[in-house]
């Protein structure tokens, strides 16, 4: 009987493993997008509180392969730049209520600015500097991808948030990735 149980557990373990042929995955501080691996060397969590919203607490999470410089003035300005990053990711996420919270955030375009009655993200953009000129403005060599659906799950607390991405991207691939290396927290609350 013990051999049968062990065989069942072994078979279940082997069958539950599958290859990820979506082209966008990895964990920790490595990410694979379009078949290329990028190391994440800087990460910022920007607490924008009610920057655009009166019903949701807003955060931006930025990951990059080079130092990130955030420009933030409570209630009026948020932006970031990178210094020659080959890769950058910006996630705009909103938690229903007055405090940011762990949970699953569903993609919602929010183009009509009618905020849903749930946690959502309305922007996830990946910038890839294909010609390594420090800019993302060459359409023949650079690549800018945006989310078209999916979820981001947030756990942990500042500055040690964990982000688990399961997102469809504009290139038709799924981004399945967990970032768990911590963030520099920036308070941009008004």
Protein backbone atom coordinates (compact mmCIF):
# COMPACT_ATOMS: atom_id res chain seq x y z
CA UNK A 1 0.00 0.00 0.00
CA UNK A 2 2.87 2.41 0.84
CA UNK A 3 4.41 1.76 -2.59
CA UNK A 4 1.08 2.54 -4.25
CA UNK A 5 0.72 5.85 -2.36
CA UNK A 6 4.35 6.83 -3.16
CA UNK A 7 3.82 5.92 -6.82
CA UNK A 8 0.63 8.04 -6.92
CA UNK A 9 2.40 11.02 -5.31
CA UNK A 10 5.38 10.68 -7.67
CA UNK A 11 3.11 10.40 -10.72
CA UNK A 12 1.06 13.42 -9.61
CA UNK A 13 4.23 15.44 -9.10
CA UNK A 14 5.59 14.58 -12.53
CA UNK A 15 2.28 15.20 -14.30
CA UNK A 16 1.76 18.55 -12.57
CA UNK A 17 5.01 19.90 -13.97
CA UNK A 18 4.65 21.57 -17.31
CA UNK A 19 6.83 23.67 -19.51
CA UNK A 20 6.02 27.33 -19.97
CA UNK A 21 6.06 28.04 -23.66
CA UNK A 22 4.44 31.45 -23.31
CA UNK A 23 7.80 33.21 -23.56
CA UNK A 24 7.30 35.34 -20.46
CA UNK A 25 8.08 33.87 -17.08
CA UNK A 26 10.59 33.39 -14.28
CA UNK A 27 10.73 34.32 -10.60
CA UNK A 28 12.71 36.46 -8.18
CA UNK A 29 14.84 39.08 -9.85
CA UNK A 30 14.94 37.49 -13.32
CA UNK A 31 12.21 37.93 -15.92
CA UNK A 32 11.87 36.49 -19.41
CA UNK A 33 10.02 38.55 -22.02
CA UNK A 34 9.94 37.73 -25.73
CA UNK A 35 12.60 35.06 -25.21
CA UNK A 36 15.12 37.38 -23.53
CA UNK A 37 16.09 37.33 -19.86
CA UNK A 38 16.42 40.54 -17.86
CA UNK A 39 17.80 41.06 -14.36
CA UNK A 40 15.80 43.36 -12.11
CA UNK A 41 18.27 45.47 -10.14
CA UNK A 42 15.96 48.20 -8.79
CA UNK A 43 12.35 48.22 -7.62
CA UNK A 44 10.16 51.02 -6.28
CA UNK A 45 6.72 50.91 -4.61
CA UNK A 46 5.12 54.35 -4.83
CA UNK A 47 2.16 54.94 -2.52
CA UNK A 48 0.04 57.46 -4.43
CA UNK A 49 -3.00 57.03 -2.10
CA UNK A 50 -5.90 58.91 -3.80
CA UNK A 51 -3.89 60.41 -6.65
CA UNK A 52 -6.60 60.10 -9.30
CA UNK A 53 -9.28 58.33 -7.33
CA UNK A 54 -11.61 59.16 -4.48
CA UNK A 55 -12.65 55.52 -3.97
CA UNK A 56 -9.38 53.58 -4.34
CA UNK A 57 -5.90 53.63 -2.80
CA UNK A 58 -3.37 53.76 -5.61
CA UNK A 59 0.13 52.32 -5.92
CA UNK A 60 2.67 52.20 -8.70
CA UNK A 61 5.22 49.41 -8.72
CA UNK A 62 8.26 49.96 -10.95
CA UNK A 63 10.86 47.27 -11.74
CA UNK A 64 13.94 47.93 -13.88
CA UNK A 65 17.31 46.58 -14.94
CA UNK A 66 18.97 49.87 -13.92
CA UNK A 67 18.50 52.56 -11.25
CA UNK A 68 15.01 54.11 -11.12
CA UNK A 69 14.51 57.80 -10.39
CA UNK A 70 10.99 58.62 -9.19
CA UNK A 71 9.56 62.12 -9.40
CA UNK A 72 6.69 62.45 -6.95
CA UNK A 73 4.78 65.34 -5.43
CA UNK A 74 1.77 64.31 -3.31
CA UNK A 75 -1.50 64.76 -5.14
CA UNK A 76 -0.02 66.30 -8.28
CA UNK A 77 3.00 64.55 -9.83
CA UNK A 78 4.13 60.97 -10.35
CA UNK A 79 6.65 59.80 -12.91
CA UNK A 80 9.83 57.79 -13.24
CA UNK A 81 12.93 57.56 -15.37
CA UNK A 82 15.63 54.93 -15.65
CA UNK A 83 19.29 55.30 -16.46
CA UNK A 84 19.98 53.10 -19.51
CA UNK A 85 17.66 50.28 -18.44
CA UNK A 86 17.30 47.47 -20.97
CA UNK A 87 14.03 46.56 -19.24
CA UNK A 88 11.44 48.44 -17.16
CA UNK A 89 7.97 47.53 -15.93
CA UNK A 90 5.38 49.96 -14.53
CA UNK A 91 2.24 48.67 -12.80
CA UNK A 92 -0.61 51.05 -11.84
CA UNK A 93 -2.82 49.33 -9.29
CA UNK A 94 -5.80 50.45 -7.18
CA UNK A 95 -7.26 48.92 -4.01
CA UNK A 96 -10.89 49.59 -3.18
CA UNK A 97 -11.04 51.69 0.00
CA UNK A 98 -8.75 54.01 1.92
CA UNK A 99 -5.90 51.56 2.52
CA UNK A 100 -3.83 49.51 0.14
CA UNK A 101 -4.43 45.81 0.69
CA UNK A 102 -3.27 42.35 -0.27
CA UNK A 103 -5.38 40.42 -2.72
CA UNK A 104 -6.09 39.70 -6.35
CA UNK A 105 -6.26 42.69 -8.70
CA UNK A 106 -8.20 42.18 -11.92
CA UNK A 107 -7.28 44.02 -15.14
CA UNK A 108 -9.77 46.79 -15.97
CA UNK A 109 -9.02 49.35 -18.70
CA UNK A 110 -10.91 52.08 -16.85
CA UNK A 111 -10.93 54.28 -19.96
CA UNK A 112 -14.24 55.86 -18.94
CA UNK A 113 -12.84 56.65 -15.50
CA UNK A 114 -15.74 54.79 -13.95
CA UNK A 115 -13.91 52.94 -11.23
CA UNK A 116 -15.05 49.39 -10.57
CA UNK A 117 -16.22 48.26 -7.18
CA UNK A 118 -13.24 45.91 -6.74
CA UNK A 119 -9.43 45.90 -6.66
CA UNK A 120 -8.03 46.46 -10.15
CA UNK A 121 -5.02 47.43 -12.21
CA UNK A 122 -5.52 49.59 -15.25
CA UNK A 123 -1.99 49.79 -16.51
CA UNK A 124 0.93 47.43 -16.82
CA UNK A 125 3.54 48.53 -19.33
CA UNK A 126 6.80 46.77 -20.16
CA UNK A 127 9.52 48.77 -21.88
CA UNK A 128 12.35 46.93 -23.68
CA UNK A 129 15.29 48.95 -25.00
CA UNK A 130 16.21 46.82 -28.03
CA UNK A 131 18.93 49.12 -29.37
CA UNK A 132 20.35 49.92 -25.91
CA UNK A 133 20.33 53.68 -26.38
CA UNK A 134 18.66 54.36 -23.03
CA UNK A 135 15.34 55.29 -24.69
CA UNK A 136 12.21 53.38 -25.67
CA UNK A 137 11.23 55.44 -28.71
CA UNK A 138 12.56 53.44 -31.69
CA UNK A 139 9.63 51.37 -33.05
CA UNK A 140 11.93 49.20 -35.19
CA UNK A 141 14.22 48.16 -32.31
CA UNK A 142 12.47 48.93 -29.03
CA UNK A 143 9.39 47.18 -27.71
CA UNK A 144 6.58 48.54 -25.54
CA UNK A 145 4.08 45.95 -24.33
CA UNK A 146 0.84 46.62 -22.44
CA UNK A 147 -1.50 44.38 -20.48
CA UNK A 148 -4.71 43.32 -22.17
CA UNK A 149 -6.12 41.12 -19.38
CA UNK A 150 -5.31 38.97 -16.38
CA UNK A 151 -4.55 39.38 -12.70
CA UNK A 152 -1.83 40.54 -10.33
CA UNK A 153 -1.84 39.12 -6.80
CA UNK A 154 -0.29 41.25 -4.06
CA UNK A 155 0.91 39.86 -0.73
CA UNK A 156 3.26 41.06 2.01
CA UNK A 157 3.70 44.55 3.43
CA UNK A 158 5.82 47.57 2.48
CA UNK A 159 8.63 47.37 1.54
CA UNK A 160 8.46 43.59 1.15
CA UNK A 161 5.53 43.26 -1.19
CA UNK A 162 5.33 40.15 -3.37
CA UNK A 163 3.74 40.55 -6.80
CA UNK A 164 2.50 37.49 -8.72
CA UNK A 165 1.67 38.32 -12.35
CA UNK A 166 -0.61 36.23 -14.56
CA UNK A 167 -1.25 38.75 -17.32
CA UNK A 168 -1.99 38.63 -21.04
CA UNK A 169 0.23 41.07 -22.94
CA UNK A 170 -0.25 42.93 -26.22
CA UNK A 171 2.23 40.59 -27.96
CA UNK A 172 -0.17 37.67 -27.37
CA UNK A 173 2.01 36.07 -24.70
CA UNK A 174 1.24 35.53 -21.04
CA UNK A 175 3.44 37.12 -18.41
CA UNK A 176 3.65 34.63 -15.56
CA UNK A 177 6.12 35.99 -13.06
CA UNK A 178 6.56 36.45 -9.30
CA UNK A 179 8.68 39.29 -7.95
CA UNK A 180 9.65 38.76 -4.30
CA UNK A 181 12.89 40.73 -3.82
CA UNK A 182 11.47 43.78 -2.00
CA UNK A 183 10.96 47.42 -2.96
CA UNK A 184 12.17 50.85 -1.98
CA UNK A 185 8.99 52.43 -0.56
CA UNK A 186 8.15 56.01 -1.61
CA UNK A 187 5.38 57.86 0.21
CA UNK A 188 3.52 60.08 -2.26
CA UNK A 189 0.33 60.35 -0.21
CA UNK A 190 -1.57 63.63 -0.28
